[in-house]
Amino acid sequence: MSSASTPRSPATATRGRPPKLDRARTVEAALALLDEVGLDALTMRRLAEAMDVRAGALYRYFATKQELLTAMAEALLADCLNRPLSSPDWSERLAELARRMRTALLGRRDGARVYAGTHSTGSHTLGFADTLVGVLREAGFTAGDAARAALTLVHFTIGHTLEEQAAGQVTGDGPADPDRLHAAVTPERHPHLAAALPVFASTDFTAHFEFGLALLIEGLRATGPGTTPSGSGG
């Protein structure tokens, strides 16, 4: 049989050529590079090198790094709604959504920093937001109160995860080192801090998160559907 009639395998046909460049592959590669080098070292040029393409090729899909970060933030929430919520109770559903978001952000190095400040209109982000607001509206909150409550929950989750991931990257001699805190706080000068020091020095971030989450939800319960907290506006 001649070589002309021998079919080529996909590997042989594409050998020596990089895979086709597209938005999805670029975001996937950017997230992998994020895990490797962190957000500060993630540049368009470095990403292009990792993908074995010219830097200019990436700008066909993302005009700026911020656009790339927005797409990465959208991808972070891809699995947040991959299964039904486990409870019919609105407060438990809210808590579950917040936990899923925290887990998603923790799943990538600097995930909270990537997500913070982005405004994706992708299906994952909008679907998560719609579900969150929907849980609150179905509980009886007005659309305006549901929106504010959803924003508060999301901002708390992002802020907490930012601190959690930052603390995890601090070296032993950094300002968040528990030994430094213990040495700086004395019962004579800081009696209240000294009494609470075990909690301040704790790295049980799940316990910290759950406490704050419970406070938010109890606040919503106390406010009650259909009412607006003082000072929130129309």
Protein backbone atom coordinates (compact mmCIF):
# COMPACT_ATOMS: atom_id res chain seq x y z
CA MET A 1 0.00 0.00 0.00
CA SER A 2 1.41 3.40 -0.93
CA SER A 3 2.02 6.09 1.66
CA ALA A 4 -0.50 8.30 -0.12
CA SER A 5 -3.31 5.91 0.76
CA THR A 6 -2.33 5.48 4.40
CA PRO A 7 -4.59 7.59 6.65
CA ARG A 8 -2.82 9.86 9.10
CA SER A 9 -3.65 9.76 12.78
CA PRO A 10 -4.77 13.01 14.43
CA ALA A 11 -1.48 13.15 16.35
CA THR A 12 0.54 12.80 13.12
CA ALA A 13 -1.58 15.36 11.32
CA THR A 14 -1.05 18.05 13.98
CA ARG A 15 2.47 17.21 15.07
CA GLY A 16 4.63 20.31 15.45
CA ARG A 17 1.68 22.69 15.47
CA PRO A 18 0.11 24.15 18.64
CA PRO A 19 -3.59 23.39 19.27
CA LYS A 20 -6.04 25.84 17.76
CA LEU A 21 -6.23 29.06 19.76
CA ASP A 22 -9.64 30.15 21.00
CA ARG A 23 -11.21 31.92 24.00
CA ALA A 24 -11.92 28.78 25.99
CA ARG A 25 -8.42 27.38 25.59
CA THR A 26 -6.91 30.76 26.47
CA VAL A 27 -8.94 31.00 29.70
CA GLU A 28 -8.07 27.41 30.61
CA ALA A 29 -4.38 28.08 30.06
CA ALA A 30 -4.59 31.34 32.02
CA LEU A 31 -6.12 29.55 35.02
CA ALA A 32 -3.42 26.88 34.90
CA LEU A 33 -0.74 29.57 34.76
CA LEU A 34 -2.45 31.40 37.63
CA ASP A 35 -2.08 28.30 39.80
CA GLU A 36 1.59 28.11 38.86
CA VAL A 37 2.78 31.69 39.20
CA GLY A 38 0.02 33.72 40.92
CA LEU A 39 -1.89 36.78 39.76
CA ASP A 40 0.97 39.28 40.03
CA ALA A 41 3.14 37.28 37.64
CA LEU A 42 0.34 36.51 35.20
CA THR A 43 0.92 38.67 32.13
CA MET A 44 -0.32 38.42 28.57
CA ARG A 45 3.23 37.87 27.37
CA ARG A 46 3.86 35.09 29.86
CA LEU A 47 0.56 33.46 28.97
CA ALA A 48 1.45 33.59 25.28
CA GLU A 49 4.76 31.90 26.01
CA ALA A 50 3.01 29.18 28.00
CA MET A 51 0.63 28.61 25.07
CA ASP A 52 3.45 28.72 22.51
CA VAL A 53 1.86 31.55 20.55
CA ARG A 54 2.73 35.14 19.85
CA ALA A 55 1.45 37.64 22.39
CA GLY A 56 -0.46 39.49 19.68
CA ALA A 57 -2.57 36.41 19.01
CA LEU A 58 -4.17 36.65 22.46
CA TYR A 59 -5.37 40.18 21.81
CA ARG A 60 -7.70 38.88 19.11
CA TYR A 61 -9.79 37.44 21.96
CA PHE A 62 -8.96 39.72 24.90
CA ALA A 63 -8.10 43.34 24.21
CA THR A 64 -6.79 43.88 27.75
CA LYS A 65 -5.69 41.81 30.72
CA GLN A 66 -8.82 42.99 32.55
CA GLU A 67 -10.98 41.39 29.88
CA LEU A 68 -9.06 38.16 30.37
CA LEU A 69 -9.53 38.36 34.15
CA THR A 70 -13.27 38.86 33.67
CA ALA A 71 -13.43 35.71 31.56
CA MET A 72 -11.39 33.86 34.17
CA ALA A 73 -13.77 35.05 36.90
CA GLU A 74 -16.68 33.75 34.87
CA ALA A 75 -14.98 30.36 34.59
CA LEU A 76 -14.41 30.21 38.35
CA LEU A 77 -18.17 29.95 38.95
CA ALA A 78 -18.70 27.22 36.35
CA ASP A 79 -19.51 24.51 38.90
CA CYS A 80 -21.47 26.56 41.44
CA LEU A 81 -24.82 25.45 40.04
CA ASN A 82 -23.85 22.00 38.81
CA ARG A 83 -26.24 20.33 41.26
CA PRO A 84 -29.55 21.29 42.89
CA LEU A 85 -29.58 23.11 46.21
CA SER A 86 -30.08 20.63 49.02
CA SER A 87 -32.67 22.42 51.17
CA PRO A 88 -36.06 24.05 50.61
CA ASP A 89 -35.37 26.59 53.39
CA TRP A 90 -34.34 29.96 51.96
CA SER A 91 -31.72 30.71 54.62
CA GLU A 92 -30.04 27.34 54.16
CA ARG A 93 -30.09 27.83 50.40
CA LEU A 94 -28.39 31.21 50.77
CA ALA A 95 -25.72 29.69 53.01
CA GLU A 96 -25.13 26.87 50.54
CA LEU A 97 -24.67 29.31 47.66
CA ALA A 98 -22.18 31.36 49.68
CA ARG A 99 -20.25 28.21 50.56
CA ARG A 100 -20.18 27.12 46.93
CA MET A 101 -18.82 30.50 45.89
CA ARG A 102 -16.11 30.39 48.56
CA THR A 103 -15.13 26.89 47.47
CA ALA A 104 -14.95 28.02 43.84
CA LEU A 105 -12.70 30.98 44.65
CA LEU A 106 -10.46 28.86 46.88
CA GLY A 107 -10.12 26.35 44.07
CA ARG A 108 -7.63 28.57 42.25
CA ARG A 109 -4.60 30.43 43.52
CA ASP A 110 -5.57 34.10 44.02
CA GLY A 111 -9.09 33.19 42.93
CA ALA A 112 -10.72 35.88 45.05
CA ARG A 113 -8.35 38.53 43.69
CA VAL A 114 -9.17 37.47 40.15
CA TYR A 115 -12.90 37.67 40.81
CA ALA A 116 -12.93 40.93 42.79
CA GLY A 117 -13.85 43.94 40.70
CA THR A 118 -14.90 42.01 37.62
CA HIS A 119 -18.35 42.39 36.11
CA SER A 120 -18.93 39.38 33.93
CA THR A 121 -22.16 39.02 31.99
CA GLY A 122 -21.45 35.37 31.25
CA SER A 123 -23.90 32.57 31.88
CA HIS A 124 -22.19 31.25 35.02
CA THR A 125 -22.05 34.63 36.76
CA LEU A 126 -25.54 35.71 35.77
CA GLY A 127 -26.97 32.29 36.57
CA PHE A 128 -25.44 32.35 40.04
CA ALA A 129 -26.69 35.89 40.69
CA ASP A 130 -30.16 35.08 39.40
CA THR A 131 -30.36 32.02 41.65
CA LEU A 132 -29.21 34.04 44.65
CA VAL A 133 -31.71 36.82 44.07
CA GLY A 134 -34.40 34.28 43.26
CA VAL A 135 -33.98 32.51 46.60
CA LEU A 136 -34.51 35.81 48.39
CA ARG A 137 -37.48 36.91 46.28
CA GLU A 138 -39.16 33.55 46.76
CA ALA A 139 -38.69 34.04 50.51
CA GLY A 140 -40.72 37.25 50.28
CA PHE A 141 -38.03 39.94 49.96
CA THR A 142 -38.68 42.75 47.49
CA ALA A 143 -36.53 42.86 44.37
CA GLY A 144 -34.57 45.81 45.77
CA ASP A 145 -33.96 44.21 49.16
CA ALA A 146 -33.05 40.92 47.50
CA ALA A 147 -30.48 42.70 45.34
CA ARG A 148 -28.90 44.45 48.33
CA ALA A 149 -28.87 41.26 50.37
CA ALA A 150 -27.28 39.36 47.48
CA LEU A 151 -24.59 42.02 47.09
CA THR A 152 -23.86 41.92 50.82
CA LEU A 153 -23.50 38.14 50.79
CA VAL A 154 -21.25 38.16 47.72
CA HIS A 155 -19.07 40.99 49.05
CA PHE A 156 -18.66 39.21 52.39
CA THR A 157 -17.69 35.98 50.64
CA ILE A 158 -15.17 37.68 48.35
CA GLY A 159 -13.66 39.76 51.16
CA HIS A 160 -13.34 36.81 53.50
CA THR A 161 -11.74 34.67 50.79
CA LEU A 162 -9.34 37.47 49.87
CA GLU A 163 -8.08 37.54 53.46
CA GLU A 164 -8.02 33.75 53.67
CA GLN A 165 -5.91 33.35 50.53
CA ALA A 166 -3.63 36.23 51.50
CA ALA A 167 -2.99 34.70 54.91
CA GLY A 168 -2.13 31.40 53.28
CA GLN A 169 0.64 33.07 51.28
CA VAL A 170 2.27 34.98 54.15
CA THR A 171 5.74 33.76 55.09
CA GLY A 172 6.72 32.91 58.66
CA ASP A 173 8.07 36.39 59.37
CA GLY A 174 5.12 38.23 57.82
CA PRO A 175 2.79 40.58 59.67
CA ALA A 176 0.09 37.89 59.98
CA ASP A 177 2.41 35.45 61.73
CA PRO A 178 0.62 34.28 64.92
CA ASP A 179 3.83 34.38 66.95
CA ARG A 180 4.29 38.06 66.11
CA LEU A 181 0.72 38.76 67.15
CA HIS A 182 1.16 36.91 70.45
CA ALA A 183 4.33 38.87 71.14
CA ALA A 184 2.70 42.22 70.37
CA VAL A 185 -0.49 41.77 72.38
CA THR A 186 -0.14 41.88 76.17
CA PRO A 187 -2.90 41.58 78.80
CA GLU A 188 -1.70 44.79 80.45
CA ARG A 189 -1.96 47.00 77.36
CA HIS A 190 -4.59 45.11 75.36
CA PRO A 191 -6.80 43.21 77.80
CA HIS A 192 -9.67 42.66 75.39
CA LEU A 193 -7.47 41.58 72.49
CA ALA A 194 -5.55 39.27 74.80
CA ALA A 195 -8.77 37.58 75.87
CA ALA A 196 -9.82 37.08 72.25
CA LEU A 197 -6.35 36.26 70.92
CA PRO A 198 -7.01 32.54 70.31
CA VAL A 199 -9.65 33.47 67.75
CA PHE A 200 -7.63 36.26 66.13
CA ALA A 201 -4.64 33.95 65.78
CA SER A 202 -6.71 31.00 64.57
CA THR A 203 -6.30 29.75 61.02
CA ASP A 204 -9.66 27.96 61.09
CA PHE A 205 -11.03 30.11 58.29
CA THR A 206 -14.05 27.90 57.80
CA ALA A 207 -15.14 28.65 61.38
CA HIS A 208 -14.60 32.38 60.80
CA PHE A 209 -16.59 32.22 57.55
CA GLU A 210 -19.47 30.28 59.06
CA PHE A 211 -19.75 32.72 61.97
CA GLY A 212 -19.96 35.74 59.66
CA LEU A 213 -22.33 33.96 57.31
CA ALA A 214 -24.65 33.09 60.22
CA LEU A 215 -24.64 36.74 61.33
CA LEU A 216 -25.65 37.90 57.86
CA ILE A 217 -28.45 35.40 57.56
CA GLU A 218 -29.74 36.07 61.07
CA GLY A 219 -29.73 39.75 60.21
CA LEU A 220 -31.88 39.03 57.17
CA ARG A 221 -34.22 36.96 59.32
CA ALA A 222 -34.49 39.80 61.85
CA THR A 223 -35.09 42.37 59.12
CA GLY A 224 -37.72 40.15 57.60
CA PRO A 225 -38.93 39.90 54.03
CA GLY A 226 -40.69 42.98 52.74
CA THR A 227 -38.89 45.50 54.95
CA THR A 228 -35.95 47.75 54.21
CA PRO A 229 -33.16 48.40 56.75
CA SER A 230 -32.80 51.99 57.90
CA GLY A 231 -30.59 54.06 55.61
CA SER A 232 -30.72 51.68 52.65
CA GLY A 233 -32.71 53.98 50.44
CA GLY A 234 -35.67 53.28 48.16
